[in-house]
Amino acid sequence: MKPVKMYTTQVCPYCVRAKALLARRGVADIDEIRIDLDPAERERMVELTGRRTVPQIFIGATHVGGCDELHELDRRGELMPLLQG
């Protein structure tokens, strides 16, 4: 399974939803980067994604987007193939 990286904050309900979906799809380990603890990581997230909201999710080198985009990928049946690479 490809590595998953997620930019998050402590009190983000969308982050919780995204992590729950990934867990249901078999993702056991998420490289979680807390941007509320490190302002430099927030800046890096914005540089990488052009977005300021969390979560921002990467599967391998692919920027998936946020929680809504992750759920849409799953709805279309494209999440598992992306995870499995």
PDB file of N, CA and C in Angstrom:
ATOM      1  N   MET A   1       0.844  -1.178   0.000  1.00  0.00           N
ATOM      2  CA  MET A   1       0.000   0.000   0.000  1.00  0.00           C
ATOM      3  C   MET A   1       0.891   1.242   0.000  1.00  0.00           C
ATOM      4  N   LYS A   2       0.488   2.236  -0.775  1.00  0.00           N
ATOM      5  CA  LYS A   2       1.265   3.476  -0.842  1.00  0.00           C
ATOM      6  C   LYS A   2       1.206   4.219   0.493  1.00  0.00           C
ATOM      7  N   PRO A   3       2.249   4.983   0.802  1.00  0.00           N
ATOM      8  CA  PRO A   3       2.225   5.773   2.037  1.00  0.00           C
ATOM      9  C   PRO A   3       1.210   6.902   1.930  1.00  0.00           C
ATOM     10  N   VAL A   4       0.603   7.231   3.072  1.00  0.00           N
ATOM     11  CA  VAL A   4      -0.380   8.306   3.145  1.00  0.00           C
ATOM     12  C   VAL A   4       0.155   9.373   4.085  1.00  0.00           C
ATOM     13  N   LYS A   5       0.127  10.617   3.608  1.00  0.00           N
ATOM     14  CA  LYS A   5       0.539  11.769   4.417  1.00  0.00           C
ATOM     15  C   LYS A   5      -0.659  12.700   4.505  1.00  0.00           C
ATOM     16  N   MET A   6      -0.935  13.202   5.718  1.00  0.00           N
ATOM     17  CA  MET A   6      -2.083  14.071   5.902  1.00  0.00           C
ATOM     18  C   MET A   6      -1.712  15.256   6.794  1.00  0.00           C
ATOM     19  N   TYR A   7      -1.940  16.448   6.277  1.00  0.00           N
ATOM     20  CA  TYR A   7      -1.777  17.664   7.070  1.00  0.00           C
ATOM     21  C   TYR A   7      -3.067  17.858   7.859  1.00  0.00           C
ATOM     22  N   THR A   8      -2.940  18.019   9.191  1.00  0.00           N
ATOM     23  CA  THR A   8      -4.105  18.072  10.068  1.00  0.00           C
ATOM     24  C   THR A   8      -3.937  19.135  11.152  1.00  0.00           C
ATOM     25  N   THR A   9      -5.013  19.306  11.906  1.00  0.00           N
ATOM     26  CA  THR A   9      -4.975  20.039  13.174  1.00  0.00           C
ATOM     27  C   THR A   9      -5.659  19.169  14.220  1.00  0.00           C
ATOM     28  N   GLN A  10      -5.510  19.531  15.470  1.00  0.00           N
ATOM     29  CA  GLN A  10      -6.043  18.706  16.556  1.00  0.00           C
ATOM     30  C   GLN A  10      -7.569  18.636  16.547  1.00  0.00           C
ATOM     31  N   VAL A  11      -8.236  19.721  16.250  1.00  0.00           N
ATOM     32  CA  VAL A  11      -9.692  19.789  16.422  1.00  0.00           C
ATOM     33  C   VAL A  11     -10.446  19.822  15.096  1.00  0.00           C
ATOM     34  N   CYS A  12      -9.972  19.094  14.116  1.00  0.00           N
ATOM     35  CA  CYS A  12     -10.562  19.119  12.782  1.00  0.00           C
ATOM     36  C   CYS A  12     -11.472  17.908  12.575  1.00  0.00           C
ATOM     37  N   PRO A  13     -12.799  18.101  12.525  1.00  0.00           N
ATOM     38  CA  PRO A  13     -13.692  16.956  12.324  1.00  0.00           C
ATOM     39  C   PRO A  13     -13.530  16.315  10.942  1.00  0.00           C
ATOM     40  N   TYR A  14     -13.133  17.092   9.951  1.00  0.00           N
ATOM     41  CA  TYR A  14     -12.919  16.535   8.616  1.00  0.00           C
ATOM     42  C   TYR A  14     -11.692  15.634   8.588  1.00  0.00           C
ATOM     43  N   CYS A  15     -10.695  15.972   9.397  1.00  0.00           N
ATOM     44  CA  CYS A  15      -9.508  15.124   9.519  1.00  0.00           C
ATOM     45  C   CYS A  15      -9.900  13.779  10.125  1.00  0.00           C
ATOM     46  N   VAL A  16     -10.746  13.816  11.136  1.00  0.00           N
ATOM     47  CA  VAL A  16     -11.211  12.589  11.781  1.00  0.00           C
ATOM     48  C   VAL A  16     -11.974  11.729  10.773  1.00  0.00           C
ATOM     49  N   ARG A  17     -12.853  12.334   9.982  1.00  0.00           N
ATOM     50  CA  ARG A  17     -13.619  11.587   8.968  1.00  0.00           C
ATOM     51  C   ARG A  17     -12.700  10.971   7.924  1.00  0.00           C
ATOM     52  N   ALA A  18     -11.705  11.735   7.477  1.00  0.00           N
ATOM     53  CA  ALA A  18     -10.781  11.235   6.460  1.00  0.00           C
ATOM     54  C   ALA A  18      -9.962  10.068   7.012  1.00  0.00           C
ATOM     55  N   LYS A  19      -9.470  10.201   8.243  1.00  0.00           N
ATOM     56  CA  LYS A  19      -8.691   9.112   8.845  1.00  0.00           C
ATOM     57  C   LYS A  19      -9.550   7.866   9.026  1.00  0.00           C
ATOM     58  N   ALA A  20     -10.818   8.041   9.391  1.00  0.00           N
ATOM     59  CA  ALA A  20     -11.717   6.900   9.575  1.00  0.00           C
ATOM     60  C   ALA A  20     -11.940   6.164   8.250  1.00  0.00           C
ATOM     61  N   LEU A  21     -12.139   6.907   7.176  1.00  0.00           N
ATOM     62  CA  LEU A  21     -12.322   6.270   5.868  1.00  0.00           C
ATOM     63  C   LEU A  21     -11.067   5.512   5.466  1.00  0.00           C
ATOM     64  N   LEU A  22      -9.920   6.125   5.641  1.00  0.00           N
ATOM     65  CA  LEU A  22      -8.670   5.452   5.286  1.00  0.00           C
ATOM     66  C   LEU A  22      -8.472   4.186   6.116  1.00  0.00           C
ATOM     67  N   ALA A  23      -8.828   4.240   7.384  1.00  0.00           N
ATOM     68  CA  ALA A  23      -8.710   3.049   8.239  1.00  0.00           C
ATOM     69  C   ALA A  23      -9.634   1.940   7.741  1.00  0.00           C
ATOM     70  N   ARG A  24     -10.847   2.303   7.339  1.00  0.00           N
ATOM     71  CA  ARG A  24     -11.782   1.304   6.800  1.00  0.00           C
ATOM     72  C   ARG A  24     -11.258   0.673   5.514  1.00  0.00           C
ATOM     73  N   ARG A  25     -10.409   1.399   4.801  1.00  0.00           N
ATOM     74  CA  ARG A  25      -9.843   0.885   3.553  1.00  0.00           C
ATOM     75  C   ARG A  25      -8.492   0.203   3.759  1.00  0.00           C
ATOM     76  N   GLY A  26      -8.113   0.026   5.024  1.00  0.00           N
ATOM     77  CA  GLY A  26      -6.926  -0.761   5.324  1.00  0.00           C
ATOM     78  C   GLY A  26      -5.651   0.018   5.558  1.00  0.00           C
ATOM     79  N   VAL A  27      -5.738   1.337   5.608  1.00  0.00           N
ATOM     80  CA  VAL A  27      -4.543   2.145   5.868  1.00  0.00           C
ATOM     81  C   VAL A  27      -4.275   2.117   7.373  1.00  0.00           C
ATOM     82  N   ALA A  28      -3.175   1.490   7.747  1.00  0.00           N
ATOM     83  CA  ALA A  28      -2.838   1.334   9.166  1.00  0.00           C
ATOM     84  C   ALA A  28      -1.956   2.463   9.685  1.00  0.00           C
ATOM     85  N   ASP A  29      -1.243   3.120   8.772  1.00  0.00           N
ATOM     86  CA  ASP A  29      -0.275   4.129   9.204  1.00  0.00           C
ATOM     87  C   ASP A  29      -0.420   5.371   8.337  1.00  0.00           C
ATOM     88  N   ILE A  30      -0.672   6.501   8.992  1.00  0.00           N
ATOM     89  CA  ILE A  30      -0.766   7.788   8.299  1.00  0.00           C
ATOM     90  C   ILE A  30       0.316   8.697   8.866  1.00  0.00           C
ATOM     91  N   ASP A  31       1.110   9.273   7.984  1.00  0.00           N
ATOM     92  CA  ASP A  31       2.098  10.267   8.396  1.00  0.00           C
ATOM     93  C   ASP A  31       1.336  11.570   8.600  1.00  0.00           C
ATOM     94  N   GLU A  32       0.978  11.826   9.859  1.00  0.00           N
ATOM     95  CA  GLU A  32       0.145  12.979  10.187  1.00  0.00           C
ATOM     96  C   GLU A  32       1.028  14.165  10.564  1.00  0.00           C
ATOM     97  N   ILE A  33       0.836  15.273   9.858  1.00  0.00           N
ATOM     98  CA  ILE A  33       1.619  16.481  10.098  1.00  0.00           C
ATOM     99  C   ILE A  33       0.679  17.532  10.684  1.00  0.00           C
ATOM    100  N   ARG A  34       0.894  17.859  11.949  1.00  0.00           N
ATOM    101  CA  ARG A  34       0.027  18.787  12.674  1.00  0.00           C
ATOM    102  C   ARG A  34       0.476  20.232  12.402  1.00  0.00           C
ATOM    103  N   ILE A  35      -0.274  20.924  11.564  1.00  0.00           N
ATOM    104  CA  ILE A  35       0.111  22.288  11.226  1.00  0.00           C
ATOM    105  C   ILE A  35      -0.227  23.281  12.327  1.00  0.00           C
ATOM    106  N   ASP A  36      -1.076  22.884  13.281  1.00  0.00           N
ATOM    107  CA  ASP A  36      -1.370  23.775  14.407  1.00  0.00           C
ATOM    108  C   ASP A  36      -0.202  23.819  15.396  1.00  0.00           C
ATOM    109  N   LEU A  37       0.685  22.836  15.320  1.00  0.00           N
ATOM    110  CA  LEU A  37       1.848  22.802  16.203  1.00  0.00           C
ATOM    111  C   LEU A  37       3.099  23.403  15.568  1.00  0.00           C
ATOM    112  N   ASP A  38       3.094  23.521  14.246  1.00  0.00           N
ATOM    113  CA  ASP A  38       4.288  23.975  13.534  1.00  0.00           C
ATOM    114  C   ASP A  38       3.898  24.892  12.366  1.00  0.00           C
ATOM    115  N   PRO A  39       3.988  26.216  12.567  1.00  0.00           N
ATOM    116  CA  PRO A  39       3.617  27.155  11.509  1.00  0.00           C
ATOM    117  C   PRO A  39       4.405  26.954  10.211  1.00  0.00           C
ATOM    118  N   ALA A  40       5.632  26.485  10.302  1.00  0.00           N
ATOM    119  CA  ALA A  40       6.421  26.247   9.089  1.00  0.00           C
ATOM    120  C   ALA A  40       5.792  25.139   8.252  1.00  0.00           C
ATOM    121  N   GLU A  41       5.211  24.145   8.907  1.00  0.00           N
ATOM    122  CA  GLU A  41       4.536  23.067   8.169  1.00  0.00           C
ATOM    123  C   GLU A  41       3.272  23.583   7.489  1.00  0.00           C
ATOM    124  N   ARG A  42       2.586  24.533   8.128  1.00  0.00           N
ATOM    125  CA  ARG A  42       1.414  25.148   7.483  1.00  0.00           C
ATOM    126  C   ARG A  42       1.844  25.844   6.191  1.00  0.00           C
ATOM    127  N   GLU A  43       2.934  26.580   6.253  1.00  0.00           N
ATOM    128  CA  GLU A  43       3.452  27.259   5.066  1.00  0.00           C
ATOM    129  C   GLU A  43       3.827  26.257   3.980  1.00  0.00           C
ATOM    130  N   ARG A  44       4.458  25.159   4.383  1.00  0.00           N
ATOM    131  CA  ARG A  44       4.834  24.120   3.423  1.00  0.00           C
ATOM    132  C   ARG A  44       3.590  23.511   2.779  1.00  0.00           C
ATOM    133  N   MET A  45       2.555  23.262   3.571  1.00  0.00           N
ATOM    134  CA  MET A  45       1.308  22.715   3.044  1.00  0.00           C
ATOM    135  C   MET A  45       0.713  23.645   1.988  1.00  0.00           C
ATOM    136  N   VAL A  46       0.689  24.926   2.286  1.00  0.00           N
ATOM    137  CA  VAL A  46       0.133  25.904   1.344  1.00  0.00           C
ATOM    138  C   VAL A  46       0.973  25.935   0.065  1.00  0.00           C
ATOM    139  N   GLU A  47       2.283  25.885   0.202  1.00  0.00           N
ATOM    140  CA  GLU A  47       3.156  25.851  -0.981  1.00  0.00           C
ATOM    141  C   GLU A  47       2.890  24.623  -1.846  1.00  0.00           C
ATOM    142  N   LEU A  48       2.714  23.474  -1.191  1.00  0.00           N
ATOM    143  CA  LEU A  48       2.514  22.219  -1.917  1.00  0.00           C
ATOM    144  C   LEU A  48       1.134  22.112  -2.566  1.00  0.00           C
ATOM    145  N   THR A  49       0.120  22.643  -1.885  1.00  0.00           N
ATOM    146  CA  THR A  49      -1.261  22.401  -2.315  1.00  0.00           C
ATOM    147  C   THR A  49      -1.991  23.632  -2.843  1.00  0.00           C
ATOM    148  N   GLY A  50      -1.518  24.814  -2.450  1.00  0.00           N
ATOM    149  CA  GLY A  50      -2.250  26.034  -2.791  1.00  0.00           C
ATOM    150  C   GLY A  50      -3.497  26.221  -1.938  1.00  0.00           C
ATOM    151  N   ARG A  51      -3.645  25.407  -0.901  1.00  0.00           N
ATOM    152  CA  ARG A  51      -4.824  25.457  -0.031  1.00  0.00           C
ATOM    153  C   ARG A  51      -4.415  25.722   1.405  1.00  0.00           C
ATOM    154  N   ARG A  52      -5.346  26.321   2.158  1.00  0.00           N
ATOM    155  CA  ARG A  52      -5.085  26.653   3.555  1.00  0.00           C
ATOM    156  C   ARG A  52      -5.889  25.790   4.521  1.00  0.00           C
ATOM    157  N   THR A  53      -6.820  24.975   3.995  1.00  0.00           N
ATOM    158  CA  THR A  53      -7.688  24.177   4.858  1.00  0.00           C
ATOM    159  C   THR A  53      -7.122  22.775   5.077  1.00  0.00           C
ATOM    160  N   VAL A  54      -7.535  22.168   6.190  1.00  0.00           N
ATOM    161  CA  VAL A  54      -7.152  20.788   6.478  1.00  0.00           C
ATOM    162  C   VAL A  54      -8.400  19.928   6.484  1.00  0.00           C
ATOM    163  N   PRO A  55      -8.238  18.654   6.205  1.00  0.00           N
ATOM    164  CA  PRO A  55      -6.988  17.989   5.907  1.00  0.00           C
ATOM    165  C   PRO A  55      -6.556  18.219   4.467  1.00  0.00           C
ATOM    166  N   GLN A  56      -5.284  18.067   4.231  1.00  0.00           N
ATOM    167  CA  GLN A  56      -4.730  17.957   2.879  1.00  0.00           C
ATOM    168  C   GLN A  56      -4.054  16.603   2.845  1.00  0.00           C
ATOM    169  N   ILE A  57      -4.473  15.779   1.900  1.00  0.00           N
ATOM    170  CA  ILE A  57      -4.098  14.370   1.900  1.00  0.00           C
ATOM    171  C   ILE A  57      -3.272  14.037   0.661  1.00  0.00           C
ATOM    172  N   PHE A  58      -2.183  13.331   0.896  1.00  0.00           N
ATOM    173  CA  PHE A  58      -1.340  12.811  -0.179  1.00  0.00           C
ATOM    174  C   PHE A  58      -1.317  11.297  -0.082  1.00  0.00           C
ATOM    175  N   ILE A  59      -1.524  10.631  -1.214  1.00  0.00           N
ATOM    176  CA  ILE A  59      -1.352   9.184  -1.304  1.00  0.00           C
ATOM    177  C   ILE A  59      -0.186   8.974  -2.258  1.00  0.00           C
ATOM    178  N   GLY A  60       0.914   8.487  -1.706  1.00  0.00           N
ATOM    179  CA  GLY A  60       2.152   8.471  -2.475  1.00  0.00           C
ATOM    180  C   GLY A  60       2.495   9.910  -2.819  1.00  0.00           C
ATOM    181  N   ALA A  61       2.771  10.172  -4.088  1.00  0.00           N
ATOM    182  CA  ALA A  61       3.094  11.532  -4.529  1.00  0.00           C
ATOM    183  C   ALA A  61       1.856  12.294  -5.004  1.00  0.00           C
ATOM    184  N   THR A  62       0.690  11.656  -4.971  1.00  0.00           N
ATOM    185  CA  THR A  62      -0.537  12.263  -5.491  1.00  0.00           C
ATOM    186  C   THR A  62      -1.257  13.068  -4.423  1.00  0.00           C
ATOM    187  N   HIS A  63      -1.492  14.359  -4.708  1.00  0.00           N
ATOM    188  CA  HIS A  63      -2.290  15.181  -3.807  1.00  0.00           C
ATOM    189  C   HIS A  63      -3.757  14.900  -4.096  1.00  0.00           C
ATOM    190  N   VAL A  64      -4.422  14.301  -3.139  1.00  0.00           N
ATOM    191  CA  VAL A  64      -5.829  13.929  -3.278  1.00  0.00           C
ATOM    192  C   VAL A  64      -6.732  15.127  -3.043  1.00  0.00           C
ATOM    193  N   GLY A  65      -6.334  15.998  -2.123  1.00  0.00           N
ATOM    194  CA  GLY A  65      -7.171  17.131  -1.728  1.00  0.00           C
ATOM    195  C   GLY A  65      -7.585  16.952  -0.290  1.00  0.00           C
ATOM    196  N   GLY A  66      -8.833  17.340  -0.003  1.00  0.00           N
ATOM    197  CA  GLY A  66      -9.336  17.268   1.364  1.00  0.00           C
ATOM    198  C   GLY A  66     -10.263  16.082   1.583  1.00  0.00           C
ATOM    199  N   CYS A  67     -11.015  16.155   2.647  1.00  0.00           N
ATOM    200  CA  CYS A  67     -11.912  15.079   3.046  1.00  0.00           C
ATOM    201  C   CYS A  67     -12.973  14.807   1.981  1.00  0.00           C
ATOM    202  N   ASP A  68     -13.585  15.849   1.451  1.00  0.00           N
ATOM    203  CA  ASP A  68     -14.630  15.662   0.440  1.00  0.00           C
ATOM    204  C   ASP A  68     -14.081  14.970  -0.801  1.00  0.00           C
ATOM    205  N   GLU A  69     -12.899  15.371  -1.237  1.00  0.00           N
ATOM    206  CA  GLU A  69     -12.291  14.753  -2.416  1.00  0.00           C
ATOM    207  C   GLU A  69     -11.938  13.289  -2.150  1.00  0.00           C
ATOM    208  N   LEU A  70     -11.476  12.995  -0.937  1.00  0.00           N
ATOM    209  CA  LEU A  70     -11.155  11.618  -0.570  1.00  0.00           C
ATOM    210  C   LEU A  70     -12.409  10.748  -0.628  1.00  0.00           C
ATOM    211  N   HIS A  71     -13.507  11.244  -0.050  1.00  0.00           N
ATOM    212  CA  HIS A  71     -14.761  10.486  -0.070  1.00  0.00           C
ATOM    213  C   HIS A  71     -15.291  10.333  -1.501  1.00  0.00           C
ATOM    214  N   GLU A  72     -15.111  11.340  -2.317  1.00  0.00           N
ATOM    215  CA  GLU A  72     -15.552  11.246  -3.712  1.00  0.00           C
ATOM    216  C   GLU A  72     -14.742  10.192  -4.469  1.00  0.00           C
ATOM    217  N   LEU A  73     -13.440  10.157  -4.240  1.00  0.00           N
ATOM    218  CA  LEU A  73     -12.610   9.109  -4.849  1.00  0.00           C
ATOM    219  C   LEU A  73     -13.125   7.722  -4.457  1.00  0.00           C
ATOM    220  N   ASP A  74     -13.455   7.577  -3.190  1.00  0.00           N
ATOM    221  CA  ASP A  74     -13.955   6.295  -2.709  1.00  0.00           C
ATOM    222  C   ASP A  74     -15.303   5.970  -3.358  1.00  0.00           C
ATOM    223  N   ARG A  75     -16.180   6.931  -3.446  1.00  0.00           N
ATOM    224  CA  ARG A  75     -17.501   6.733  -4.042  1.00  0.00           C
ATOM    225  C   ARG A  75     -17.388   6.271  -5.498  1.00  0.00           C
ATOM    226  N   ARG A  76     -16.408   6.813  -6.215  1.00  0.00           N
ATOM    227  CA  ARG A  76     -16.199   6.447  -7.622  1.00  0.00           C
ATOM    228  C   ARG A  76     -15.412   5.148  -7.795  1.00  0.00           C
ATOM    229  N   GLY A  77     -14.969   4.559  -6.683  1.00  0.00           N
ATOM    230  CA  GLY A  77     -14.204   3.320  -6.762  1.00  0.00           C
ATOM    231  C   GLY A  77     -12.753   3.530  -7.134  1.00  0.00           C
ATOM    232  N   GLU A  78     -12.241   4.730  -6.974  1.00  0.00           N
ATOM    233  CA  GLU A  78     -10.867   5.046  -7.376  1.00  0.00           C
ATOM    234  C   GLU A  78      -9.884   5.105  -6.202  1.00  0.00           C
ATOM    235  N   LEU A  79     -10.382   5.056  -4.973  1.00  0.00           N
ATOM    236  CA  LEU A  79      -9.489   5.180  -3.827  1.00  0.00           C
ATOM    237  C   LEU A  79      -8.616   3.940  -3.650  1.00  0.00           C
ATOM    238  N   MET A  80      -9.216   2.771  -3.667  1.00  0.00           N
ATOM    239  CA  MET A  80      -8.434   1.546  -3.455  1.00  0.00           C
ATOM    240  C   MET A  80      -7.356   1.349  -4.521  1.00  0.00           C
ATOM    241  N   PRO A  81      -7.666   1.533  -5.808  1.00  0.00           N
ATOM    242  CA  PRO A  81      -6.590   1.412  -6.800  1.00  0.00           C
ATOM    243  C   PRO A  81      -5.449   2.410  -6.565  1.00  0.00           C
ATOM    244  N   LEU A  82      -5.798   3.626  -6.130  1.00  0.00           N
ATOM    245  CA  LEU A  82      -4.768   4.623  -5.849  1.00  0.00           C
ATOM    246  C   LEU A  82      -3.921   4.190  -4.661  1.00  0.00           C
ATOM    247  N   LEU A  83      -4.563   3.682  -3.616  1.00  0.00           N
ATOM    248  CA  LEU A  83      -3.825   3.220  -2.443  1.00  0.00           C
ATOM    249  C   LEU A  83      -2.922   2.037  -2.776  1.00  0.00           C
ATOM    250  N   GLN A  84      -3.403   1.159  -3.615  1.00  0.00           N
ATOM    251  CA  GLN A  84      -2.646  -0.043  -3.930  1.00  0.00           C
ATOM    252  C   GLN A  84      -1.561   0.211  -4.978  1.00  0.00           C
ATOM    253  N   GLY A  85      -1.743   1.247  -5.766  1.00  0.00           N
ATOM    254  CA  GLY A  85      -0.740   1.671  -6.721  1.00  0.00           C
ATOM    255  C   GLY A  85      -0.422   0.662  -7.765  1.00  0.00           C
TER     256      GLY A  85
END
